[in-house]
Structure formats: structure tokens, C-alpha cells
Amino acid sequence: MDNYEIFKDFLDKNNTRYSEETLVKSGERFFRLPQKLKSGGFVDILVVFAEKNIKIRIFGIATIEEEEKKIACYKLFNELSAQYNFFRIYIHPNGDISLEGDVVLGVVEGEFQPKALMGFVIAAINLLEKSYKDIMKIQWD
């Protein structure tokens, strides 16, 4: 069983809601995990299994369109990147904000550890929860 299937089995055993999808161009398979934030917002967490690594991507955080607010977000994101070097928060050209991280795989005696991957997902959610109010403050000021 490959890492993707091991993680799928882990999600099923833990009654986690998800959908499975494949990126057409690259063939990368991923899980989409919808998540409600403590603040009430909803985001999509993608756990992407690429050929050589696994990435966590969170979309639907916010959209910032005004240039001054984008600059304020860049400053905030640079501060967060200095503290949380496994994750990066981006503003895409259309103003959408997303979080991304390359997973450091948990491997014990050569075996992939899905619980370690879920720990990484939870760490990404915790970072988003911590920074979400600051992002929203920039958006609504």
C-alpha cells in the first residue's frame, strides 16, 4: 500500500470528511478536507501527494484586492514565515490568500506514519487560526 492509500485508510478509520481528486496536468492525487475555523470561516485543506513529496495547501482564507492592504499582508506574512519556517502564506495575483507547507514525513522503521502527517495538517490549521484575525483586520480596516 502506498502512502496515499495509507493516509486514506487513516482518514476513514478516524471518520474524517474528505473528497479525493487528481490534478489533470500533473497527475498528483490529493485529499480535500473542508475545515470550519474557530472564527466561523470555512477553508479547504488539500493534502497533495506529489511524486516525491507531500504538500499541505489551504485555500479560501481571504481575498485582498487593495494594494496598501496587500503590502500590510506581505509584512505580516514575512513575520509569520520567520516564526513558522515549515509554512508560507501567499497572496496570489488575483488577491487570494493561501497557506502552503512541504511536509516533513514521519517515518518510523521505514514505515510512513499517517498520524504524523495529520499532525502537520493540524499545525497548519493552528497557524491559520493564530493569524486569521490579523489577516481579517487588514482586510476590514
C-alpha atoms as a PDB file:
ATOM      1  CA  MET A   1       0.000   0.000   0.000  1.00  0.00           C
ATOM      2  CA  ASP A   2       1.433   3.419  -0.958  1.00  0.00           C
ATOM      3  CA  ASN A   3       1.456   6.486   1.339  1.00  0.00           C
ATOM      4  CA  TYR A   4      -1.692   7.889  -0.307  1.00  0.00           C
ATOM      5  CA  GLU A   5      -3.658   4.721   0.452  1.00  0.00           C
ATOM      6  CA  ILE A   6      -2.236   4.520   3.986  1.00  0.00           C
ATOM      7  CA  PHE A   7      -3.376   8.100   4.655  1.00  0.00           C
ATOM      8  CA  LYS A   8      -6.801   7.382   3.124  1.00  0.00           C
ATOM      9  CA  ASP A   9      -7.185   4.398   5.441  1.00  0.00           C
ATOM     10  CA  PHE A  10      -6.197   6.640   8.392  1.00  0.00           C
ATOM     11  CA  LEU A  11      -8.827   9.242   7.412  1.00  0.00           C
ATOM     12  CA  ASP A  12     -11.501   6.543   7.080  1.00  0.00           C
ATOM     13  CA  LYS A  13     -10.663   4.987  10.448  1.00  0.00           C
ATOM     14  CA  ASN A  14     -10.909   8.425  12.077  1.00  0.00           C
ATOM     15  CA  ASN A  15     -14.216   9.291  10.360  1.00  0.00           C
ATOM     16  CA  THR A  16     -12.681  12.350   8.690  1.00  0.00           C
ATOM     17  CA  ARG A  17     -14.731  14.032   5.948  1.00  0.00           C
ATOM     18  CA  TYR A  18     -12.810  14.277   2.688  1.00  0.00           C
ATOM     19  CA  SER A  19     -13.032  14.012  -1.059  1.00  0.00           C
ATOM     20  CA  GLU A  20     -10.393  12.650  -3.421  1.00  0.00           C
ATOM     21  CA  GLU A  21      -9.261  14.391  -6.574  1.00  0.00           C
ATOM     22  CA  THR A  22      -6.466  14.258  -9.143  1.00  0.00           C
ATOM     23  CA  LEU A  23      -4.769  17.199 -10.844  1.00  0.00           C
ATOM     24  CA  VAL A  24      -5.189  16.646 -14.564  1.00  0.00           C
ATOM     25  CA  LYS A  25      -1.888  18.172 -15.726  1.00  0.00           C
ATOM     26  CA  SER A  26       0.447  16.632 -13.138  1.00  0.00           C
ATOM     27  CA  GLY A  27      -1.473  13.536 -12.090  1.00  0.00           C
ATOM     28  CA  GLU A  28      -0.961  14.427  -8.423  1.00  0.00           C
ATOM     29  CA  ARG A  29      -3.609  12.923  -6.170  1.00  0.00           C
ATOM     30  CA  PHE A  30      -4.951  14.832  -3.228  1.00  0.00           C
ATOM     31  CA  PHE A  31      -7.465  14.837  -0.432  1.00  0.00           C
ATOM     32  CA  ARG A  32      -9.714  17.858   0.081  1.00  0.00           C
ATOM     33  CA  LEU A  33     -10.569  18.291   3.763  1.00  0.00           C
ATOM     34  CA  PRO A  34     -13.161  21.021   4.391  1.00  0.00           C
ATOM     35  CA  GLN A  35     -12.496  22.826   7.664  1.00  0.00           C
ATOM     36  CA  LYS A  36     -14.501  25.316   9.693  1.00  0.00           C
ATOM     37  CA  LEU A  37     -12.283  27.764  11.549  1.00  0.00           C
ATOM     38  CA  LYS A  38     -12.985  28.817  15.134  1.00  0.00           C
ATOM     39  CA  SER A  39     -13.733  32.284  13.752  1.00  0.00           C
ATOM     40  CA  GLY A  40     -16.544  30.802  11.677  1.00  0.00           C
ATOM     41  CA  GLY A  41     -14.863  30.941   8.266  1.00  0.00           C
ATOM     42  CA  PHE A  42     -14.542  27.913   6.010  1.00  0.00           C
ATOM     43  CA  VAL A  43     -11.391  26.823   4.172  1.00  0.00           C
ATOM     44  CA  ASP A  44     -10.343  23.903   2.013  1.00  0.00           C
ATOM     45  CA  ILE A  45      -7.296  21.953   3.096  1.00  0.00           C
ATOM     46  CA  LEU A  46      -5.584  19.978   0.376  1.00  0.00           C
ATOM     47  CA  VAL A  47      -3.157  17.189   1.195  1.00  0.00           C
ATOM     48  CA  VAL A  48      -1.338  16.725  -2.110  1.00  0.00           C
ATOM     49  CA  PHE A  49       0.669  13.591  -2.802  1.00  0.00           C
ATOM     50  CA  ALA A  50       3.200  14.530  -5.470  1.00  0.00           C
ATOM     51  CA  GLU A  51       5.751  12.159  -6.953  1.00  0.00           C
ATOM     52  CA  LYS A  52       8.469  12.962  -4.413  1.00  0.00           C
ATOM     53  CA  ASN A  53       6.781  14.828  -1.582  1.00  0.00           C
ATOM     54  CA  ILE A  54       3.562  15.778   0.157  1.00  0.00           C
ATOM     55  CA  LYS A  55       2.258  19.336   0.366  1.00  0.00           C
ATOM     56  CA  ILE A  56      -0.370  20.920   2.559  1.00  0.00           C
ATOM     57  CA  ARG A  57      -2.305  23.741   0.887  1.00  0.00           C
ATOM     58  CA  ILE A  58      -5.092  25.770   2.450  1.00  0.00           C
ATOM     59  CA  PHE A  59      -7.330  27.848   0.193  1.00  0.00           C
ATOM     60  CA  GLY A  60     -10.265  30.160   0.786  1.00  0.00           C
ATOM     61  CA  ILE A  61      -8.660  32.136   3.603  1.00  0.00           C
ATOM     62  CA  ALA A  62      -9.450  35.620   2.261  1.00  0.00           C
ATOM     63  CA  THR A  63      -9.094  37.870  -0.776  1.00  0.00           C
ATOM     64  CA  ILE A  64      -7.211  41.154  -0.542  1.00  0.00           C
ATOM     65  CA  GLU A  65      -7.554  43.475  -3.508  1.00  0.00           C
ATOM     66  CA  GLU A  66      -6.273  46.896  -2.372  1.00  0.00           C
ATOM     67  CA  GLU A  67      -2.545  47.430  -2.881  1.00  0.00           C
ATOM     68  CA  GLU A  68      -1.909  49.009   0.572  1.00  0.00           C
ATOM     69  CA  LYS A  69      -3.610  46.069   2.256  1.00  0.00           C
ATOM     70  CA  LYS A  70      -1.542  43.626   0.210  1.00  0.00           C
ATOM     71  CA  ILE A  71       1.619  45.377   1.437  1.00  0.00           C
ATOM     72  CA  ALA A  72       0.402  45.095   5.048  1.00  0.00           C
ATOM     73  CA  CYS A  73      -0.250  41.383   4.447  1.00  0.00           C
ATOM     74  CA  TYR A  74       3.231  40.895   2.975  1.00  0.00           C
ATOM     75  CA  LYS A  75       4.706  42.354   6.178  1.00  0.00           C
ATOM     76  CA  LEU A  76       2.539  40.100   8.356  1.00  0.00           C
ATOM     77  CA  PHE A  77       3.362  37.031   6.270  1.00  0.00           C
ATOM     78  CA  ASN A  78       7.095  37.746   6.420  1.00  0.00           C
ATOM     79  CA  GLU A  79       6.887  37.924  10.225  1.00  0.00           C
ATOM     80  CA  LEU A  80       4.979  34.638  10.333  1.00  0.00           C
ATOM     81  CA  SER A  81       7.438  32.988   7.928  1.00  0.00           C
ATOM     82  CA  ALA A  82      10.294  33.882  10.263  1.00  0.00           C
ATOM     83  CA  GLN A  83       8.498  32.106  13.139  1.00  0.00           C
ATOM     84  CA  TYR A  84       6.988  29.163  11.248  1.00  0.00           C
ATOM     85  CA  ASN A  85       9.525  28.084   8.673  1.00  0.00           C
ATOM     86  CA  PHE A  86       7.622  24.967   7.535  1.00  0.00           C
ATOM     87  CA  PHE A  87       4.738  27.062   6.197  1.00  0.00           C
ATOM     88  CA  ARG A  88       4.328  30.052   3.889  1.00  0.00           C
ATOM     89  CA  ILE A  89       1.309  32.286   3.415  1.00  0.00           C
ATOM     90  CA  TYR A  90       0.908  33.753  -0.054  1.00  0.00           C
ATOM     91  CA  ILE A  91      -1.110  36.408  -1.843  1.00  0.00           C
ATOM     92  CA  HIS A  92      -1.780  35.265  -5.389  1.00  0.00           C
ATOM     93  CA  PRO A  93      -2.002  37.786  -8.260  1.00  0.00           C
ATOM     94  CA  ASN A  94      -5.822  37.773  -8.008  1.00  0.00           C
ATOM     95  CA  GLY A  95      -5.594  38.671  -4.281  1.00  0.00           C
ATOM     96  CA  ASP A  96      -6.478  35.240  -2.891  1.00  0.00           C
ATOM     97  CA  ILE A  97      -4.560  34.242   0.219  1.00  0.00           C
ATOM     98  CA  SER A  98      -3.391  30.671   0.730  1.00  0.00           C
ATOM     99  CA  LEU A  99      -1.114  28.776   3.092  1.00  0.00           C
ATOM    100  CA  GLU A 100       1.313  26.116   1.900  1.00  0.00           C
ATOM    101  CA  GLY A 101       3.799  23.790   3.511  1.00  0.00           C
ATOM    102  CA  ASP A 102       6.088  20.963   2.461  1.00  0.00           C
ATOM    103  CA  VAL A 103       5.592  18.016   4.736  1.00  0.00           C
ATOM    104  CA  VAL A 104       8.423  16.514   6.697  1.00  0.00           C
ATOM    105  CA  LEU A 105       7.308  12.898   6.574  1.00  0.00           C
ATOM    106  CA  GLY A 106       7.009  10.929   9.744  1.00  0.00           C
ATOM    107  CA  VAL A 107       8.747   7.638   9.057  1.00  0.00           C
ATOM    108  CA  VAL A 108       9.426   5.052  11.750  1.00  0.00           C
ATOM    109  CA  GLU A 109      11.496   1.998  10.783  1.00  0.00           C
ATOM    110  CA  GLY A 110      10.835   2.755   7.108  1.00  0.00           C
ATOM    111  CA  GLU A 111       7.062   2.988   7.570  1.00  0.00           C
ATOM    112  CA  PHE A 112       5.053   6.091   6.681  1.00  0.00           C
ATOM    113  CA  GLN A 113       3.205   7.473   9.716  1.00  0.00           C
ATOM    114  CA  PRO A 114      -0.172   8.983   8.739  1.00  0.00           C
ATOM    115  CA  LYS A 115      -0.655  10.326  12.265  1.00  0.00           C
ATOM    116  CA  ALA A 116       2.494  12.452  11.791  1.00  0.00           C
ATOM    117  CA  LEU A 117       1.081  13.814   8.519  1.00  0.00           C
ATOM    118  CA  MET A 118      -2.189  14.685  10.277  1.00  0.00           C
ATOM    119  CA  GLY A 119      -0.121  16.430  12.959  1.00  0.00           C
ATOM    120  CA  PHE A 120       1.390  18.574  10.219  1.00  0.00           C
ATOM    121  CA  VAL A 121      -2.117  19.374   8.912  1.00  0.00           C
ATOM    122  CA  ILE A 122      -3.173  20.378  12.429  1.00  0.00           C
ATOM    123  CA  ALA A 123      -0.080  22.581  12.780  1.00  0.00           C
ATOM    124  CA  ALA A 124      -1.081  24.375   9.549  1.00  0.00           C
ATOM    125  CA  ILE A 125      -4.617  24.884  10.881  1.00  0.00           C
ATOM    126  CA  ASN A 126      -3.228  26.211  14.166  1.00  0.00           C
ATOM    127  CA  LEU A 127      -1.037  28.713  12.318  1.00  0.00           C
ATOM    128  CA  LEU A 128      -4.020  29.822  10.261  1.00  0.00           C
ATOM    129  CA  GLU A 129      -6.201  30.144  13.370  1.00  0.00           C
ATOM    130  CA  LYS A 130      -3.485  32.235  15.021  1.00  0.00           C
ATOM    131  CA  SER A 131      -3.032  34.566  12.040  1.00  0.00           C
ATOM    132  CA  TYR A 132      -6.613  34.683  10.726  1.00  0.00           C
ATOM    133  CA  LYS A 133      -7.781  37.578  12.901  1.00  0.00           C
ATOM    134  CA  ASP A 134      -4.732  39.637  11.834  1.00  0.00           C
ATOM    135  CA  ILE A 135      -5.472  38.922   8.175  1.00  0.00           C
ATOM    136  CA  MET A 136      -9.127  39.854   8.650  1.00  0.00           C
ATOM    137  CA  LYS A 137      -8.149  43.032  10.498  1.00  0.00           C
ATOM    138  CA  ILE A 138      -6.079  44.091   7.486  1.00  0.00           C
ATOM    139  CA  GLN A 139      -8.912  43.194   5.137  1.00  0.00           C
ATOM    140  CA  TRP A 140     -11.604  45.140   7.013  1.00  0.00           C
ATOM    141  CA  ASP A 141      -9.580  48.203   8.133  1.00  0.00           C
END
